[in-house]
């Protein structure tokens, strides 16, 4: 199980990296890449949640039709 400090460091790393990638894709008009980055971030956060508290692994349902947005 992860400590709170480890969780904080990993959350900051994920947020910094993914938000940077999402922002870059949006600025370049690459909507599909931005959506893929959002999905990747959600997957990483779910994995992190599992690592932090495996017994309470509650996953958000994926958004269907996100490609059509």
Protein backbone atom coordinates (compact mmCIF):
# COMPACT_ATOMS: atom_id res chain seq x y z
CA UNK A 1 0.00 0.00 0.00
CA UNK A 2 1.19 3.51 -0.80
CA UNK A 3 1.83 6.20 1.75
CA UNK A 4 0.03 9.53 1.53
CA UNK A 5 3.29 11.20 0.48
CA UNK A 6 3.79 8.67 -2.32
CA UNK A 7 0.21 9.21 -3.44
CA UNK A 8 0.66 12.98 -3.51
CA UNK A 9 3.85 12.72 -5.58
CA UNK A 10 2.25 10.33 -8.05
CA UNK A 11 -0.91 12.45 -8.39
CA UNK A 12 1.18 15.52 -9.12
CA UNK A 13 3.25 13.62 -11.69
CA UNK A 14 0.18 12.27 -13.47
CA UNK A 15 -1.58 15.63 -13.46
CA UNK A 16 1.45 17.56 -14.69
CA UNK A 17 2.23 15.17 -17.51
CA UNK A 18 -1.27 14.46 -18.70
CA UNK A 19 -2.59 18.02 -18.47
CA UNK A 20 0.43 19.23 -20.43
CA UNK A 21 -0.26 16.63 -23.15
CA UNK A 22 -3.99 17.47 -23.22
CA UNK A 23 -3.31 21.20 -23.44
CA UNK A 24 -0.83 20.73 -26.27
CA UNK A 25 -3.26 18.55 -28.24
CA UNK A 26 -6.11 21.04 -27.77
CA UNK A 27 -3.93 23.97 -28.89
CA UNK A 28 -2.94 21.99 -31.99
CA UNK A 29 -6.59 21.19 -32.74
CA UNK A 30 -6.07 17.45 -32.26
CA UNK A 31 -9.31 16.54 -30.51
CA UNK A 32 -8.89 12.77 -30.80
CA UNK A 33 -5.43 12.93 -29.23
CA UNK A 34 -6.75 15.12 -26.41
CA UNK A 35 -9.56 12.60 -25.76
CA UNK A 36 -7.06 9.75 -25.75
CA UNK A 37 -4.97 11.63 -23.20
CA UNK A 38 -8.04 12.12 -21.01
CA UNK A 39 -8.77 8.39 -21.19
CA UNK A 40 -5.13 7.61 -20.39
CA UNK A 41 -5.26 9.89 -17.36
CA UNK A 42 -8.45 8.20 -16.13
CA UNK A 43 -6.83 4.79 -16.49
CA UNK A 44 -3.71 5.92 -14.62
CA UNK A 45 -5.81 7.41 -11.83
CA UNK A 46 -7.81 4.19 -11.53
CA UNK A 47 -4.59 2.17 -11.28
CA UNK A 48 -3.29 4.58 -8.67
CA UNK A 49 -6.52 4.29 -6.69
CA UNK A 50 -6.16 0.51 -6.76
CA UNK A 51 -2.57 0.77 -5.52
CA UNK A 52 -3.52 3.16 -2.74
CA UNK A 53 -6.57 1.32 -1.51
CA UNK A 54 -7.10 -2.00 -3.34
CA UNK A 55 -10.15 -3.03 -1.28
CA UNK A 56 -12.09 0.09 -2.23
CA UNK A 57 -11.36 0.01 -5.95
CA UNK A 58 -14.33 1.86 -7.39
CA UNK A 59 -13.98 2.71 -11.04
CA UNK A 60 -15.76 5.42 -12.95
CA UNK A 61 -17.68 4.13 -15.92
CA UNK A 62 -16.08 5.02 -19.25
CA UNK A 63 -17.95 7.64 -21.22
CA UNK A 64 -19.40 5.98 -24.31
CA UNK A 65 -19.59 8.08 -27.42
CA UNK A 66 -16.73 10.34 -26.34
CA UNK A 67 -15.33 10.07 -29.86
CA UNK A 68 -18.49 11.69 -31.21
CA UNK A 69 -18.15 14.70 -28.92
